[in-house]
């Protein structure tokens, strides 16, 4: 092909494929990556450290603050639920997030709070989302700049494209308990799983569920274990990508961490039981095991 034909073809490809032809946003980024992208115009950094005062004392430049309880809705009967489409639209709009915004979330809890908001965004159909590996501790450990300046952002008019297939109801789970292509992952402590630590009217676990506590996803320093280690850990418990995997815990807080990890590993059929044991353990019409 002659050179004069190559440039027009490249230009046409750019138009068709869009800017950056775009490699999807990485689900997990490190501090070096984030520092290099702080100036990106489509980036929104969300700080989810446990205490707002810690955010005010020093955070990653440009970050806005979100408390984990703002990413979920308290249920009078106990536990939490995902925001509705309308509630989710208000939440995301208030953070200045648009349909093309790349959201990077971090916390001070090993990704626990960040993963809960990841789950919320994933179910709202927003997939340009990353977690900062190691959270604010990794950023500070790398001796990178922090600021006490509180970022003000312009509100957007966000329109969620909800993906209800990513969320399971109790009835959906109950009706599939005998399905050999489905596996339930209980991310609570072994004591909760065994019914010795009871946090609802009944203790125990959903029949057939496999117990892999969420903290096993992490190294001692609070960063995620390598993809190879994580893949081997889940495969050893028959939690494999050929199955539909359902995550749950008490309130789908810890379970959101495992949900994120399995998304990171590329599991194609992944569902979160949002109401989790706070519902299942309090309903006498649902089976339990100990």
C-alpha atoms as a PDB file:
ATOM      1  CA  UNK A   1       0.000   0.000   0.000  1.00  0.00           C
ATOM      2  CA  UNK A   2       1.377   3.414  -0.895  1.00  0.00           C
ATOM      3  CA  UNK A   3       2.202   5.806   1.930  1.00  0.00           C
ATOM      4  CA  UNK A   4      -0.344   8.430   0.813  1.00  0.00           C
ATOM      5  CA  UNK A   5      -3.134   5.890   1.436  1.00  0.00           C
ATOM      6  CA  UNK A   6      -2.005   4.938   4.928  1.00  0.00           C
ATOM      7  CA  UNK A   7      -2.652   8.285   6.638  1.00  0.00           C
ATOM      8  CA  UNK A   8      -6.295   8.572   5.490  1.00  0.00           C
ATOM      9  CA  UNK A   9      -6.930   5.009   6.609  1.00  0.00           C
ATOM     10  CA  UNK A  10      -5.423   5.707  10.031  1.00  0.00           C
ATOM     11  CA  UNK A  11      -7.553   8.842  10.342  1.00  0.00           C
ATOM     12  CA  UNK A  12     -10.652   6.864   9.417  1.00  0.00           C
ATOM     13  CA  UNK A  13      -9.798   4.218  12.034  1.00  0.00           C
ATOM     14  CA  UNK A  14      -9.472   6.907  14.693  1.00  0.00           C
ATOM     15  CA  UNK A  15     -12.909   8.244  13.830  1.00  0.00           C
ATOM     16  CA  UNK A  16     -14.490   4.780  13.882  1.00  0.00           C
ATOM     17  CA  UNK A  17     -12.781   3.518  17.011  1.00  0.00           C
ATOM     18  CA  UNK A  18     -12.842   6.760  18.978  1.00  0.00           C
ATOM     19  CA  UNK A  19     -10.157   8.350  21.113  1.00  0.00           C
ATOM     20  CA  UNK A  20      -7.486   6.051  22.454  1.00  0.00           C
ATOM     21  CA  UNK A  21      -9.304   3.256  20.572  1.00  0.00           C
ATOM     22  CA  UNK A  22      -9.708   2.543  23.686  1.00  0.00           C
ATOM     23  CA  UNK A  23      -8.255   0.082  25.770  1.00  0.00           C
ATOM     24  CA  UNK A  24     -10.761  -0.537  28.567  1.00  0.00           C
ATOM     25  CA  UNK A  25      -9.971   1.012  31.932  1.00  0.00           C
ATOM     26  CA  UNK A  26      -7.857  -1.367  34.033  1.00  0.00           C
ATOM     27  CA  UNK A  27      -9.828  -2.690  36.999  1.00  0.00           C
ATOM     28  CA  UNK A  28      -6.817  -2.423  39.299  1.00  0.00           C
ATOM     29  CA  UNK A  29      -4.217   0.363  39.159  1.00  0.00           C
ATOM     30  CA  UNK A  30      -1.198   1.130  41.294  1.00  0.00           C
ATOM     31  CA  UNK A  31       0.015   4.415  42.749  1.00  0.00           C
ATOM     32  CA  UNK A  32       2.530   4.978  39.949  1.00  0.00           C
ATOM     33  CA  UNK A  33      -0.186   4.608  37.311  1.00  0.00           C
ATOM     34  CA  UNK A  34      -2.553   6.950  39.130  1.00  0.00           C
ATOM     35  CA  UNK A  35       0.065   9.646  39.664  1.00  0.00           C
ATOM     36  CA  UNK A  36       0.829   9.585  35.936  1.00  0.00           C
ATOM     37  CA  UNK A  37      -2.875  10.062  35.113  1.00  0.00           C
ATOM     38  CA  UNK A  38      -3.816  12.748  37.636  1.00  0.00           C
ATOM     39  CA  UNK A  39      -4.133  15.282  34.836  1.00  0.00           C
ATOM     40  CA  UNK A  40      -6.523  13.221  32.735  1.00  0.00           C
ATOM     41  CA  UNK A  41      -9.607  15.276  31.941  1.00  0.00           C
ATOM     42  CA  UNK A  42     -12.014  12.359  32.227  1.00  0.00           C
ATOM     43  CA  UNK A  43     -10.714  11.075  35.567  1.00  0.00           C
ATOM     44  CA  UNK A  44     -12.697  11.192  38.820  1.00  0.00           C
ATOM     45  CA  UNK A  45     -10.930   9.978  41.960  1.00  0.00           C
ATOM     46  CA  UNK A  46     -13.194   8.930  44.824  1.00  0.00           C
ATOM     47  CA  UNK A  47     -11.781   8.755  48.357  1.00  0.00           C
ATOM     48  CA  UNK A  48     -13.620   6.278  50.608  1.00  0.00           C
ATOM     49  CA  UNK A  49     -11.460   6.264  53.715  1.00  0.00           C
ATOM     50  CA  UNK A  50     -13.450   5.315  56.787  1.00  0.00           C
ATOM     51  CA  UNK A  51     -13.373   8.710  58.499  1.00  0.00           C
ATOM     52  CA  UNK A  52     -14.148  11.939  56.649  1.00  0.00           C
ATOM     53  CA  UNK A  53     -11.692  13.786  58.882  1.00  0.00           C
ATOM     54  CA  UNK A  54      -8.889  11.611  57.502  1.00  0.00           C
ATOM     55  CA  UNK A  55      -9.872  12.766  54.014  1.00  0.00           C
ATOM     56  CA  UNK A  56      -9.781  16.390  55.172  1.00  0.00           C
ATOM     57  CA  UNK A  57      -6.337  15.942  56.698  1.00  0.00           C
ATOM     58  CA  UNK A  58      -4.832  14.686  53.453  1.00  0.00           C
ATOM     59  CA  UNK A  59      -5.968  12.914  50.306  1.00  0.00           C
ATOM     60  CA  UNK A  60      -4.894  12.280  46.727  1.00  0.00           C
ATOM     61  CA  UNK A  61      -5.070  15.526  44.718  1.00  0.00           C
ATOM     62  CA  UNK A  62      -8.426  15.965  43.006  1.00  0.00           C
ATOM     63  CA  UNK A  63     -10.211  13.281  45.031  1.00  0.00           C
ATOM     64  CA  UNK A  64     -13.796  13.776  46.209  1.00  0.00           C
ATOM     65  CA  UNK A  65     -15.061  12.072  49.350  1.00  0.00           C
ATOM     66  CA  UNK A  66     -17.739   9.374  49.555  1.00  0.00           C
ATOM     67  CA  UNK A  67     -18.722   7.509  52.697  1.00  0.00           C
ATOM     68  CA  UNK A  68     -19.486   3.838  52.118  1.00  0.00           C
ATOM     69  CA  UNK A  69     -22.990   4.277  53.539  1.00  0.00           C
ATOM     70  CA  UNK A  70     -23.749   6.695  50.709  1.00  0.00           C
ATOM     71  CA  UNK A  71     -23.094   3.912  48.181  1.00  0.00           C
ATOM     72  CA  UNK A  72     -25.842   1.737  49.671  1.00  0.00           C
ATOM     73  CA  UNK A  73     -29.253   2.270  51.277  1.00  0.00           C
ATOM     74  CA  UNK A  74     -30.120   1.118  54.797  1.00  0.00           C
ATOM     75  CA  UNK A  75     -33.076  -1.251  55.062  1.00  0.00           C
ATOM     76  CA  UNK A  76     -35.329  -0.903  58.144  1.00  0.00           C
ATOM     77  CA  UNK A  77     -35.498  -4.699  58.539  1.00  0.00           C
ATOM     78  CA  UNK A  78     -31.699  -4.831  58.693  1.00  0.00           C
ATOM     79  CA  UNK A  79     -28.772  -4.581  56.300  1.00  0.00           C
ATOM     80  CA  UNK A  80     -28.581  -2.560  53.122  1.00  0.00           C
ATOM     81  CA  UNK A  81     -29.704  -2.600  49.514  1.00  0.00           C
ATOM     82  CA  UNK A  82     -28.396  -1.171  46.291  1.00  0.00           C
ATOM     83  CA  UNK A  83     -29.641   2.267  45.250  1.00  0.00           C
ATOM     84  CA  UNK A  84     -32.501   2.333  42.779  1.00  0.00           C
ATOM     85  CA  UNK A  85     -31.797   3.763  39.328  1.00  0.00           C
ATOM     86  CA  UNK A  86     -33.036   7.164  40.501  1.00  0.00           C
ATOM     87  CA  UNK A  87     -31.039   7.076  43.728  1.00  0.00           C
ATOM     88  CA  UNK A  88     -27.972   5.876  41.851  1.00  0.00           C
ATOM     89  CA  UNK A  89     -28.345   8.656  39.301  1.00  0.00           C
ATOM     90  CA  UNK A  90     -28.363  11.286  42.058  1.00  0.00           C
ATOM     91  CA  UNK A  91     -25.373   9.722  43.802  1.00  0.00           C
ATOM     92  CA  UNK A  92     -23.230   9.481  40.674  1.00  0.00           C
ATOM     93  CA  UNK A  93     -24.306  12.899  39.387  1.00  0.00           C
ATOM     94  CA  UNK A  94     -23.347  14.552  42.682  1.00  0.00           C
ATOM     95  CA  UNK A  95     -19.832  13.131  42.299  1.00  0.00           C
ATOM     96  CA  UNK A  96     -19.475  14.804  38.904  1.00  0.00           C
ATOM     97  CA  UNK A  97     -19.312  11.499  37.035  1.00  0.00           C
ATOM     98  CA  UNK A  98     -20.439  11.361  33.417  1.00  0.00           C
ATOM     99  CA  UNK A  99     -20.964   8.379  31.120  1.00  0.00           C
ATOM    100  CA  UNK A 100     -17.347   8.470  29.912  1.00  0.00           C
ATOM    101  CA  UNK A 101     -15.694   9.253  33.236  1.00  0.00           C
ATOM    102  CA  UNK A 102     -12.984   6.896  34.427  1.00  0.00           C
ATOM    103  CA  UNK A 103     -13.591   6.465  38.153  1.00  0.00           C
ATOM    104  CA  UNK A 104     -10.703   5.448  40.419  1.00  0.00           C
ATOM    105  CA  UNK A 105     -11.704   4.513  43.970  1.00  0.00           C
ATOM    106  CA  UNK A 106      -9.484   4.065  47.016  1.00  0.00           C
ATOM    107  CA  UNK A 107      -9.897   3.598  50.755  1.00  0.00           C
ATOM    108  CA  UNK A 108      -7.964   2.671  53.887  1.00  0.00           C
ATOM    109  CA  UNK A 109      -9.566  -0.755  54.389  1.00  0.00           C
ATOM    110  CA  UNK A 110      -7.873  -3.058  51.896  1.00  0.00           C
ATOM    111  CA  UNK A 111     -10.329  -2.132  49.150  1.00  0.00           C
ATOM    112  CA  UNK A 112     -13.376  -3.117  51.209  1.00  0.00           C
ATOM    113  CA  UNK A 113     -15.255   0.191  50.959  1.00  0.00           C
ATOM    114  CA  UNK A 114     -14.008   0.857  47.432  1.00  0.00           C
ATOM    115  CA  UNK A 115     -15.283  -2.528  46.266  1.00  0.00           C
ATOM    116  CA  UNK A 116     -18.763  -1.763  47.628  1.00  0.00           C
ATOM    117  CA  UNK A 117     -18.963   1.339  45.448  1.00  0.00           C
ATOM    118  CA  UNK A 118     -17.481  -0.645  42.554  1.00  0.00           C
ATOM    119  CA  UNK A 119     -20.375  -3.094  42.921  1.00  0.00           C
ATOM    120  CA  UNK A 120     -22.876  -0.220  42.965  1.00  0.00           C
ATOM    121  CA  UNK A 121     -21.387   1.311  39.810  1.00  0.00           C
ATOM    122  CA  UNK A 122     -21.145  -2.066  38.085  1.00  0.00           C
ATOM    123  CA  UNK A 123     -24.842  -2.718  38.598  1.00  0.00           C
ATOM    124  CA  UNK A 124     -25.622   0.798  37.326  1.00  0.00           C
ATOM    125  CA  UNK A 125     -23.815  -0.062  34.087  1.00  0.00           C
ATOM    126  CA  UNK A 126     -20.721   2.099  34.654  1.00  0.00           C
ATOM    127  CA  UNK A 127     -17.694  -0.046  33.851  1.00  0.00           C
ATOM    128  CA  UNK A 128     -14.831   2.452  33.516  1.00  0.00           C
ATOM    129  CA  UNK A 129     -13.973   1.898  37.162  1.00  0.00           C
ATOM    130  CA  UNK A 130     -10.686   1.009  38.869  1.00  0.00           C
ATOM    131  CA  UNK A 131      -9.545   0.375  42.417  1.00  0.00           C
ATOM    132  CA  UNK A 132      -6.230   1.721  43.679  1.00  0.00           C
ATOM    133  CA  UNK A 133      -4.250  -1.294  44.844  1.00  0.00           C
ATOM    134  CA  UNK A 134      -3.205  -0.835  48.459  1.00  0.00           C
ATOM    135  CA  UNK A 135      -5.355   2.274  48.889  1.00  0.00           C
ATOM    136  CA  UNK A 136      -4.173   5.473  50.525  1.00  0.00           C
ATOM    137  CA  UNK A 137      -1.509   3.507  52.415  1.00  0.00           C
ATOM    138  CA  UNK A 138       0.189   2.567  49.132  1.00  0.00           C
ATOM    139  CA  UNK A 139      -0.003   6.178  47.930  1.00  0.00           C
ATOM    140  CA  UNK A 140       1.556   7.497  51.129  1.00  0.00           C
ATOM    141  CA  UNK A 141       4.080   4.657  51.167  1.00  0.00           C
ATOM    142  CA  UNK A 142       5.270   5.795  47.741  1.00  0.00           C
ATOM    143  CA  UNK A 143       5.723   9.298  49.230  1.00  0.00           C
ATOM    144  CA  UNK A 144       3.371  10.851  46.692  1.00  0.00           C
ATOM    145  CA  UNK A 145       1.670  14.206  47.119  1.00  0.00           C
ATOM    146  CA  UNK A 146      -1.401  14.556  49.333  1.00  0.00           C
ATOM    147  CA  UNK A 147      -3.514  17.665  49.780  1.00  0.00           C
ATOM    148  CA  UNK A 148      -6.108  18.968  52.226  1.00  0.00           C
ATOM    149  CA  UNK A 149      -7.842  20.990  49.501  1.00  0.00           C
ATOM    150  CA  UNK A 150     -11.461  19.882  49.158  1.00  0.00           C
ATOM    151  CA  UNK A 151     -12.375  19.388  45.514  1.00  0.00           C
ATOM    152  CA  UNK A 152     -15.622  20.934  44.265  1.00  0.00           C
ATOM    153  CA  UNK A 153     -17.074  19.308  41.168  1.00  0.00           C
ATOM    154  CA  UNK A 154     -19.830  20.306  38.785  1.00  0.00           C
ATOM    155  CA  UNK A 155     -22.895  18.114  39.047  1.00  0.00           C
ATOM    156  CA  UNK A 156     -23.688  15.995  35.996  1.00  0.00           C
ATOM    157  CA  UNK A 157     -26.956  14.517  34.749  1.00  0.00           C
ATOM    158  CA  UNK A 158     -26.058  10.855  34.946  1.00  0.00           C
ATOM    159  CA  UNK A 159     -28.360   8.287  33.328  1.00  0.00           C
ATOM    160  CA  UNK A 160     -27.701   4.766  34.608  1.00  0.00           C
ATOM    161  CA  UNK A 161     -28.004   1.775  32.291  1.00  0.00           C
ATOM    162  CA  UNK A 162     -28.819  -0.750  35.015  1.00  0.00           C
ATOM    163  CA  UNK A 163     -27.714  -4.345  34.645  1.00  0.00           C
ATOM    164  CA  UNK A 164     -30.197  -6.303  36.783  1.00  0.00           C
ATOM    165  CA  UNK A 165     -28.639  -9.623  35.811  1.00  0.00           C
ATOM    166  CA  UNK A 166     -25.710  -8.747  38.097  1.00  0.00           C
ATOM    167  CA  UNK A 167     -27.957  -8.771  41.181  1.00  0.00           C
ATOM    168  CA  UNK A 168     -29.660 -11.811  42.749  1.00  0.00           C
ATOM    169  CA  UNK A 169     -32.760 -11.871  44.929  1.00  0.00           C
ATOM    170  CA  UNK A 170     -33.329 -14.465  47.644  1.00  0.00           C
ATOM    171  CA  UNK A 171     -35.877 -16.174  45.415  1.00  0.00           C
ATOM    172  CA  UNK A 172     -33.448 -16.276  42.498  1.00  0.00           C
ATOM    173  CA  UNK A 173     -30.866 -17.991  44.699  1.00  0.00           C
ATOM    174  CA  UNK A 174     -33.371 -20.359  46.334  1.00  0.00           C
ATOM    175  CA  UNK A 175     -34.673 -21.569  42.974  1.00  0.00           C
ATOM    176  CA  UNK A 176     -31.149 -22.450  41.784  1.00  0.00           C
ATOM    177  CA  UNK A 177     -29.721 -24.222  44.831  1.00  0.00           C
ATOM    178  CA  UNK A 178     -29.648 -27.549  42.995  1.00  0.00           C
ATOM    179  CA  UNK A 179     -28.102 -26.114  39.819  1.00  0.00           C
ATOM    180  CA  UNK A 180     -24.658 -27.733  39.333  1.00  0.00           C
ATOM    181  CA  UNK A 181     -23.536 -24.840  37.120  1.00  0.00           C
ATOM    182  CA  UNK A 182     -23.959 -22.335  39.980  1.00  0.00           C
ATOM    183  CA  UNK A 183     -21.642 -21.828  42.940  1.00  0.00           C
ATOM    184  CA  UNK A 184     -22.277 -19.671  46.000  1.00  0.00           C
ATOM    185  CA  UNK A 185     -19.305 -17.991  47.686  1.00  0.00           C
ATOM    186  CA  UNK A 186     -19.844 -17.016  51.326  1.00  0.00           C
ATOM    187  CA  UNK A 187     -17.228 -14.385  52.123  1.00  0.00           C
ATOM    188  CA  UNK A 188     -17.930 -14.135  55.861  1.00  0.00           C
ATOM    189  CA  UNK A 189     -15.764 -15.476  58.656  1.00  0.00           C
ATOM    190  CA  UNK A 190     -15.642 -19.250  59.255  1.00  0.00           C
ATOM    191  CA  UNK A 191     -17.473 -18.696  62.566  1.00  0.00           C
ATOM    192  CA  UNK A 192     -20.369 -16.934  60.815  1.00  0.00           C
ATOM    193  CA  UNK A 193     -20.449 -19.607  58.124  1.00  0.00           C
ATOM    194  CA  UNK A 194     -20.607 -22.379  60.727  1.00  0.00           C
ATOM    195  CA  UNK A 195     -23.378 -20.647  62.682  1.00  0.00           C
ATOM    196  CA  UNK A 196     -21.250 -19.986  65.761  1.00  0.00           C
ATOM    197  CA  UNK A 197     -21.190 -16.206  65.210  1.00  0.00           C
ATOM    198  CA  UNK A 198     -24.865 -15.405  64.690  1.00  0.00           C
ATOM    199  CA  UNK A 199     -25.746 -11.988  63.221  1.00  0.00           C
ATOM    200  CA  UNK A 200     -29.362 -12.657  62.227  1.00  0.00           C
ATOM    201  CA  UNK A 201     -32.259 -14.614  63.747  1.00  0.00           C
ATOM    202  CA  UNK A 202     -30.613 -17.768  62.418  1.00  0.00           C
ATOM    203  CA  UNK A 203     -26.978 -18.703  62.038  1.00  0.00           C
ATOM    204  CA  UNK A 204     -25.339 -20.792  59.378  1.00  0.00           C
ATOM    205  CA  UNK A 205     -24.998 -20.455  55.629  1.00  0.00           C
ATOM    206  CA  UNK A 206     -26.908 -20.948  52.400  1.00  0.00           C
ATOM    207  CA  UNK A 207     -26.929 -24.670  51.533  1.00  0.00           C
ATOM    208  CA  UNK A 208     -24.069 -25.613  49.231  1.00  0.00           C
ATOM    209  CA  UNK A 209     -22.164 -22.353  49.716  1.00  0.00           C
ATOM    210  CA  UNK A 210     -18.368 -22.416  49.814  1.00  0.00           C
ATOM    211  CA  UNK A 211     -16.653 -20.324  52.497  1.00  0.00           C
ATOM    212  CA  UNK A 212     -13.752 -18.196  51.239  1.00  0.00           C
ATOM    213  CA  UNK A 213     -13.313 -15.273  53.617  1.00  0.00           C
ATOM    214  CA  UNK A 214     -12.791 -11.972  51.811  1.00  0.00           C
ATOM    215  CA  UNK A 215      -9.504 -11.196  53.569  1.00  0.00           C
ATOM    216  CA  UNK A 216      -7.882 -14.114  51.759  1.00  0.00           C
ATOM    217  CA  UNK A 217      -7.880 -11.871  48.677  1.00  0.00           C
ATOM    218  CA  UNK A 218      -5.221  -9.661  50.277  1.00  0.00           C
ATOM    219  CA  UNK A 219      -1.542  -9.764  51.087  1.00  0.00           C
ATOM    220  CA  UNK A 220      -0.439  -8.788  54.615  1.00  0.00           C
ATOM    221  CA  UNK A 221       0.208  -5.212  53.437  1.00  0.00           C
ATOM    222  CA  UNK A 222      -3.414  -4.765  52.346  1.00  0.00           C
ATOM    223  CA  UNK A 223      -2.734  -4.947  48.601  1.00  0.00           C
ATOM    224  CA  UNK A 224      -4.344  -7.604  46.438  1.00  0.00           C
ATOM    225  CA  UNK A 225      -2.655 -10.942  45.940  1.00  0.00           C
ATOM    226  CA  UNK A 226      -1.437 -11.629  42.412  1.00  0.00           C
ATOM    227  CA  UNK A 227      -3.934 -12.723  39.782  1.00  0.00           C
ATOM    228  CA  UNK A 228      -2.259 -16.137  39.594  1.00  0.00           C
ATOM    229  CA  UNK A 229      -2.546 -16.649  43.350  1.00  0.00           C
ATOM    230  CA  UNK A 230      -6.178 -15.554  43.383  1.00  0.00           C
ATOM    231  CA  UNK A 231      -7.101 -17.696  40.399  1.00  0.00           C
ATOM    232  CA  UNK A 232      -5.516 -20.759  42.006  1.00  0.00           C
ATOM    233  CA  UNK A 233      -7.204 -20.097  45.356  1.00  0.00           C
ATOM    234  CA  UNK A 234     -10.689 -19.949  43.853  1.00  0.00           C
ATOM    235  CA  UNK A 235     -10.111 -22.836  41.450  1.00  0.00           C
ATOM    236  CA  UNK A 236      -9.021 -25.010  44.392  1.00  0.00           C
ATOM    237  CA  UNK A 237     -12.515 -24.521  45.843  1.00  0.00           C
ATOM    238  CA  UNK A 238     -14.232 -25.253  42.495  1.00  0.00           C
ATOM    239  CA  UNK A 239     -15.084 -21.582  41.990  1.00  0.00           C
ATOM    240  CA  UNK A 240     -14.277 -21.550  38.290  1.00  0.00           C
ATOM    241  CA  UNK A 241     -15.124 -19.250  35.365  1.00  0.00           C
ATOM    242  CA  UNK A 242     -17.328 -21.859  33.665  1.00  0.00           C
ATOM    243  CA  UNK A 243     -19.900 -21.455  36.466  1.00  0.00           C
ATOM    244  CA  UNK A 244     -22.298 -18.745  37.489  1.00  0.00           C
ATOM    245  CA  UNK A 245     -20.799 -17.400  40.713  1.00  0.00           C
ATOM    246  CA  UNK A 246     -22.939 -15.730  43.375  1.00  0.00           C
ATOM    247  CA  UNK A 247     -21.244 -13.753  46.151  1.00  0.00           C
ATOM    248  CA  UNK A 248     -22.777 -12.957  49.527  1.00  0.00           C
ATOM    249  CA  UNK A 249     -21.866 -12.087  53.126  1.00  0.00           C
ATOM    250  CA  UNK A 250     -23.905 -10.286  55.791  1.00  0.00           C
ATOM    251  CA  UNK A 251     -24.678  -7.117  53.803  1.00  0.00           C
ATOM    252  CA  UNK A 252     -22.758  -7.637  50.545  1.00  0.00           C
ATOM    253  CA  UNK A 253     -19.983  -5.388  51.829  1.00  0.00           C
ATOM    254  CA  UNK A 254     -17.319  -8.058  52.226  1.00  0.00           C
ATOM    255  CA  UNK A 255     -18.878  -9.958  49.319  1.00  0.00           C
ATOM    256  CA  UNK A 256     -18.387  -6.929  47.080  1.00  0.00           C
ATOM    257  CA  UNK A 257     -14.648  -7.354  47.628  1.00  0.00           C
ATOM    258  CA  UNK A 258     -14.804 -10.887  46.251  1.00  0.00           C
ATOM    259  CA  UNK A 259     -17.162  -9.740  43.495  1.00  0.00           C
ATOM    260  CA  UNK A 260     -14.471  -7.256  42.448  1.00  0.00           C
ATOM    261  CA  UNK A 261     -11.734  -9.900  42.557  1.00  0.00           C
ATOM    262  CA  UNK A 262     -13.716 -12.286  40.358  1.00  0.00           C
ATOM    263  CA  UNK A 263     -14.418  -9.454  37.897  1.00  0.00           C
ATOM    264  CA  UNK A 264     -10.677  -8.765  37.947  1.00  0.00           C
ATOM    265  CA  UNK A 265     -10.051 -12.421  37.074  1.00  0.00           C
ATOM    266  CA  UNK A 266     -12.496 -12.202  34.164  1.00  0.00           C
ATOM    267  CA  UNK A 267     -15.309 -14.408  35.465  1.00  0.00           C
ATOM    268  CA  UNK A 268     -18.074 -13.919  32.880  1.00  0.00           C
ATOM    269  CA  UNK A 269     -21.173 -14.895  34.916  1.00  0.00           C
ATOM    270  CA  UNK A 270     -20.952 -13.098  38.218  1.00  0.00           C
ATOM    271  CA  UNK A 271     -23.903 -12.151  40.427  1.00  0.00           C
ATOM    272  CA  UNK A 272     -24.085 -10.418  43.801  1.00  0.00           C
ATOM    273  CA  UNK A 273     -26.772 -11.402  46.322  1.00  0.00           C
ATOM    274  CA  UNK A 274     -27.134  -7.860  47.541  1.00  0.00           C
ATOM    275  CA  UNK A 275     -29.320  -8.421  50.624  1.00  0.00           C
ATOM    276  CA  UNK A 276     -27.164 -11.370  51.706  1.00  0.00           C
ATOM    277  CA  UNK A 277     -27.424 -12.989  55.142  1.00  0.00           C
ATOM    278  CA  UNK A 278     -29.165  -9.954  56.663  1.00  0.00           C
ATOM    279  CA  UNK A 279     -32.156 -11.122  54.623  1.00  0.00           C
ATOM    280  CA  UNK A 280     -31.592 -14.881  54.266  1.00  0.00           C
ATOM    281  CA  UNK A 281     -30.830 -15.436  57.942  1.00  0.00           C
ATOM    282  CA  UNK A 282     -33.930 -13.538  59.014  1.00  0.00           C
ATOM    283  CA  UNK A 283     -36.391 -15.353  56.757  1.00  0.00           C
ATOM    284  CA  UNK A 284     -37.808 -18.583  58.131  1.00  0.00           C
ATOM    285  CA  UNK A 285     -38.972 -19.704  54.670  1.00  0.00           C
ATOM    286  CA  UNK A 286     -35.402 -20.066  53.332  1.00  0.00           C
ATOM    287  CA  UNK A 287     -33.216 -23.139  53.951  1.00  0.00           C
ATOM    288  CA  UNK A 288     -29.989 -22.967  55.917  1.00  0.00           C
ATOM    289  CA  UNK A 289     -27.068 -25.271  56.585  1.00  0.00           C
ATOM    290  CA  UNK A 290     -24.538 -25.430  59.436  1.00  0.00           C
END
